[in-house]
C-alpha atoms as a PDB file:
ATOM      1  CA  MET A   1     -16.795 -11.305  36.728  1.00  0.00           C
ATOM      2  CA  SER A   2     -13.699 -11.737  34.369  1.00  0.00           C
ATOM      3  CA  THR A   3     -13.016  -9.591  31.395  1.00  0.00           C
ATOM      4  CA  PRO A   4     -12.485 -11.363  28.059  1.00  0.00           C
ATOM      5  CA  GLU A   5      -8.716 -10.971  27.030  1.00  0.00           C
ATOM      6  CA  LYS A   6      -7.354 -10.883  23.548  1.00  0.00           C
ATOM      7  CA  SER A   7      -5.184 -13.767  22.574  1.00  0.00           C
ATOM      8  CA  PRO A   8      -1.573 -13.177  22.229  1.00  0.00           C
ATOM      9  CA  SER A   9      -1.537 -14.741  18.642  1.00  0.00           C
ATOM     10  CA  THR A  10      -4.155 -12.071  17.642  1.00  0.00           C
ATOM     11  CA  ASP A  11      -2.234  -9.188  19.124  1.00  0.00           C
ATOM     12  CA  ALA A  12       1.033 -10.440  17.216  1.00  0.00           C
ATOM     13  CA  GLY A  13      -1.015 -10.848  13.982  1.00  0.00           C
ATOM     14  CA  ASN A  14      -2.272  -7.241  14.333  1.00  0.00           C
ATOM     15  CA  VAL A  15       1.298  -5.922  14.926  1.00  0.00           C
ATOM     16  CA  ARG A  16       2.500  -7.802  11.902  1.00  0.00           C
ATOM     17  CA  GLU A  17      -0.156  -6.544   9.808  1.00  0.00           C
ATOM     18  CA  ILE A  18       0.275  -2.906  10.880  1.00  0.00           C
ATOM     19  CA  ARG A  19       4.136  -3.069  10.301  1.00  0.00           C
ATOM     20  CA  PHE A  20       3.441  -4.478   6.872  1.00  0.00           C
ATOM     21  CA  LEU A  21       0.998  -1.682   6.148  1.00  0.00           C
ATOM     22  CA  ASN A  22       3.476   0.833   7.157  1.00  0.00           C
ATOM     23  CA  ILE A  23       5.792  -0.650   4.647  1.00  0.00           C
ATOM     24  CA  ILE A  24       3.041  -0.560   2.090  1.00  0.00           C
ATOM     25  CA  ALA A  25       2.278   3.033   2.742  1.00  0.00           C
ATOM     26  CA  ALA A  26       6.010   4.099   2.617  1.00  0.00           C
ATOM     27  CA  VAL A  27       6.443   2.509  -0.782  1.00  0.00           C
ATOM     28  CA  ALA A  28       3.133   4.060  -2.017  1.00  0.00           C
ATOM     29  CA  ILE A  29       4.122   7.595  -0.811  1.00  0.00           C
ATOM     30  CA  LEU A  30       7.567   7.180  -2.399  1.00  0.00           C
ATOM     31  CA  ASP A  31       5.976   6.001  -5.730  1.00  0.00           C
ATOM     32  CA  PHE A  32       3.455   8.898  -5.479  1.00  0.00           C
ATOM     33  CA  VAL A  33       6.399  11.409  -4.990  1.00  0.00           C
ATOM     34  CA  LEU A  34       8.188   9.993  -7.821  1.00  0.00           C
ATOM     35  CA  LEU A  35       5.113  10.107  -9.969  1.00  0.00           C
ATOM     36  CA  ILE A  36       4.951  13.915  -9.905  1.00  0.00           C
ATOM     37  CA  PRO A  37       8.292  14.765 -11.439  1.00  0.00           C
ATOM     38  CA  LEU A  38       7.700  11.926 -13.879  1.00  0.00           C
ATOM     39  CA  VAL A  39       4.475  13.535 -15.113  1.00  0.00           C
ATOM     40  CA  TRP A  40       5.988  16.952 -15.136  1.00  0.00           C
ATOM     41  CA  ALA A  41       8.950  15.782 -17.293  1.00  0.00           C
ATOM     42  CA  SER A  42       6.839  13.769 -19.753  1.00  0.00           C
ATOM     43  CA  SER A  43       4.288  16.504 -20.326  1.00  0.00           C
ATOM     44  CA  TYR A  44       3.864  18.218 -23.596  1.00  0.00           C
ATOM     45  CA  TRP A  45       5.498  21.572 -22.819  1.00  0.00           C
ATOM     46  CA  MET A  46       8.546  20.060 -20.933  1.00  0.00           C
ATOM     47  CA  ASP A  47       9.312  17.071 -23.073  1.00  0.00           C
ATOM     48  CA  LYS A  48      12.333  15.702 -21.158  1.00  0.00           C
ATOM     49  CA  HIS A  49      12.929  12.426 -22.508  1.00  0.00           C
ATOM     50  CA  GLU A  50      16.169  11.833 -20.653  1.00  0.00           C
ATOM     51  CA  VAL A  51      14.381  12.243 -17.270  1.00  0.00           C
ATOM     52  CA  VAL A  52      11.433  10.004 -18.275  1.00  0.00           C
ATOM     53  CA  SER A  53      13.664   7.279 -19.441  1.00  0.00           C
ATOM     54  CA  ILE A  54      15.328   7.351 -15.887  1.00  0.00           C
ATOM     55  CA  LEU A  55      12.190   7.885 -13.768  1.00  0.00           C
ATOM     56  CA  GLY A  56       9.918   5.773 -15.617  1.00  0.00           C
ATOM     57  CA  PRO A  57      11.467   2.394 -14.955  1.00  0.00           C
ATOM     58  CA  ILE A  58      12.025   3.344 -11.391  1.00  0.00           C
ATOM     59  CA  HIS A  59       8.329   4.059 -11.020  1.00  0.00           C
ATOM     60  CA  GLY A  60       7.385   0.978 -12.839  1.00  0.00           C
ATOM     61  CA  LEU A  61       9.529  -0.988 -10.405  1.00  0.00           C
ATOM     62  CA  PHE A  62       7.858   0.593  -7.355  1.00  0.00           C
ATOM     63  CA  PHE A  63       4.392  -0.235  -8.895  1.00  0.00           C
ATOM     64  CA  VAL A  64       5.270  -3.806  -9.213  1.00  0.00           C
ATOM     65  CA  ILE A  65       6.771  -3.897  -5.816  1.00  0.00           C
ATOM     66  CA  LEU A  66       3.589  -2.322  -4.293  1.00  0.00           C
ATOM     67  CA  VAL A  67       1.189  -4.685  -6.168  1.00  0.00           C
ATOM     68  CA  GLY A  68       3.337  -7.651  -4.845  1.00  0.00           C
ATOM     69  CA  LEU A  69       3.275  -6.466  -1.204  1.00  0.00           C
ATOM     70  CA  CYS A  70      -0.503  -6.201  -1.522  1.00  0.00           C
ATOM     71  CA  ALA A  71      -0.883  -9.412  -2.995  1.00  0.00           C
ATOM     72  CA  TYR A  72       1.452 -11.084  -0.212  1.00  0.00           C
ATOM     73  CA  GLY A  73      -0.794  -9.639   2.360  1.00  0.00           C
ATOM     74  CA  SER A  74      -3.664 -11.284   0.532  1.00  0.00           C
ATOM     75  CA  VAL A  75      -1.974 -14.587   0.440  1.00  0.00           C
ATOM     76  CA  GLN A  76      -1.440 -14.335   4.198  1.00  0.00           C
ATOM     77  CA  ARG A  77      -5.170 -13.689   4.441  1.00  0.00           C
ATOM     78  CA  TRP A  78      -4.652 -10.306   6.268  1.00  0.00           C
ATOM     79  CA  TRP A  79      -6.984  -8.780   3.884  1.00  0.00           C
ATOM     80  CA  GLY A  80      -8.883  -9.727   0.729  1.00  0.00           C
ATOM     81  CA  TRP A  81      -7.752  -9.789  -3.005  1.00  0.00           C
ATOM     82  CA  TRP A  82      -9.744  -6.373  -3.215  1.00  0.00           C
ATOM     83  CA  PHE A  83      -6.577  -4.568  -1.972  1.00  0.00           C
ATOM     84  CA  PRO A  84      -4.168  -5.635  -4.820  1.00  0.00           C
ATOM     85  CA  LEU A  85      -6.982  -5.267  -7.283  1.00  0.00           C
ATOM     86  CA  ILE A  86      -7.760  -1.681  -6.323  1.00  0.00           C
ATOM     87  CA  THR A  87      -4.062  -0.914  -6.322  1.00  0.00           C
ATOM     88  CA  VAL A  88      -3.797  -2.194 -10.108  1.00  0.00           C
ATOM     89  CA  VAL A  89      -7.116  -0.475 -11.171  1.00  0.00           C
ATOM     90  CA  THR A  90      -6.097   3.014  -9.705  1.00  0.00           C
ATOM     91  CA  GLY A  91      -2.484   2.758 -11.102  1.00  0.00           C
ATOM     92  CA  GLY A  92      -0.733   2.206  -7.780  1.00  0.00           C
ATOM     93  CA  ALA A  93      -0.295   4.622  -4.880  1.00  0.00           C
ATOM     94  CA  ILE A  94      -3.700   6.036  -4.605  1.00  0.00           C
ATOM     95  CA  GLY A  95      -5.287   2.604  -4.462  1.00  0.00           C
ATOM     96  CA  SER A  96      -2.987   1.213  -1.882  1.00  0.00           C
ATOM     97  CA  LEU A  97      -3.269   4.109   0.327  1.00  0.00           C
ATOM     98  CA  ILE A  98      -7.131   3.703   0.085  1.00  0.00           C
ATOM     99  CA  GLY A  99      -6.740   0.041   0.938  1.00  0.00           C
ATOM    100  CA  ASP A 100      -4.287   0.909   3.666  1.00  0.00           C
ATOM    101  CA  TRP A 101      -6.844   3.281   5.278  1.00  0.00           C
ATOM    102  CA  ILE A 102      -9.767   0.714   4.925  1.00  0.00           C
ATOM    103  CA  VAL A 103      -7.658  -2.079   6.520  1.00  0.00           C
ATOM    104  CA  ARG A 104      -6.318   0.096   9.240  1.00  0.00           C
ATOM    105  CA  LYS A 105      -9.875   1.269  10.175  1.00  0.00           C
ATOM    106  CA  LYS A 106     -11.085  -2.304  10.350  1.00  0.00           C
ATOM    107  CA  LEU A 107      -8.063  -3.151  12.541  1.00  0.00           C
ATOM    108  CA  LYS A 108      -9.012  -0.354  14.894  1.00  0.00           C
ATOM    109  CA  GLU A 109     -12.636  -1.477  14.904  1.00  0.00           C
ATOM    110  CA  GLY A 110     -11.642  -5.014  15.746  1.00  0.00           C
ATOM    111  CA  THR A 111      -9.337  -3.981  18.671  1.00  0.00           C
ATOM    112  CA  ALA A 112     -12.082  -1.664  20.070  1.00  0.00           C
ATOM    113  CA  ASN A 113     -14.721  -4.306  19.951  1.00  0.00           C
ATOM    114  CA  ALA A 114     -12.446  -6.974  21.513  1.00  0.00           C
END
């Protein structure tokens, strides 16, 4: 009795997907870490406009990159359009990390079943 083997194309697809998820996670974590001093500097009792004027656009750039990466994965049909949508709705890092967790969980279940 032979055991079913996974096709090499499926393995290669999963590896590419996981690498891409690693990039998304790194950008999300960097964006979240940047958000902490940004919120602190923009708070009422600190009121550091010069810090906000530097960190704000950088945070915005990371947000756009994050949504773009999630959308690219959807275009590649690695996951659905719910991933970039949850990233936008939650404001960036939190949603993308939730989506990352969901996709990784599905990939692990898929490899365990195969």
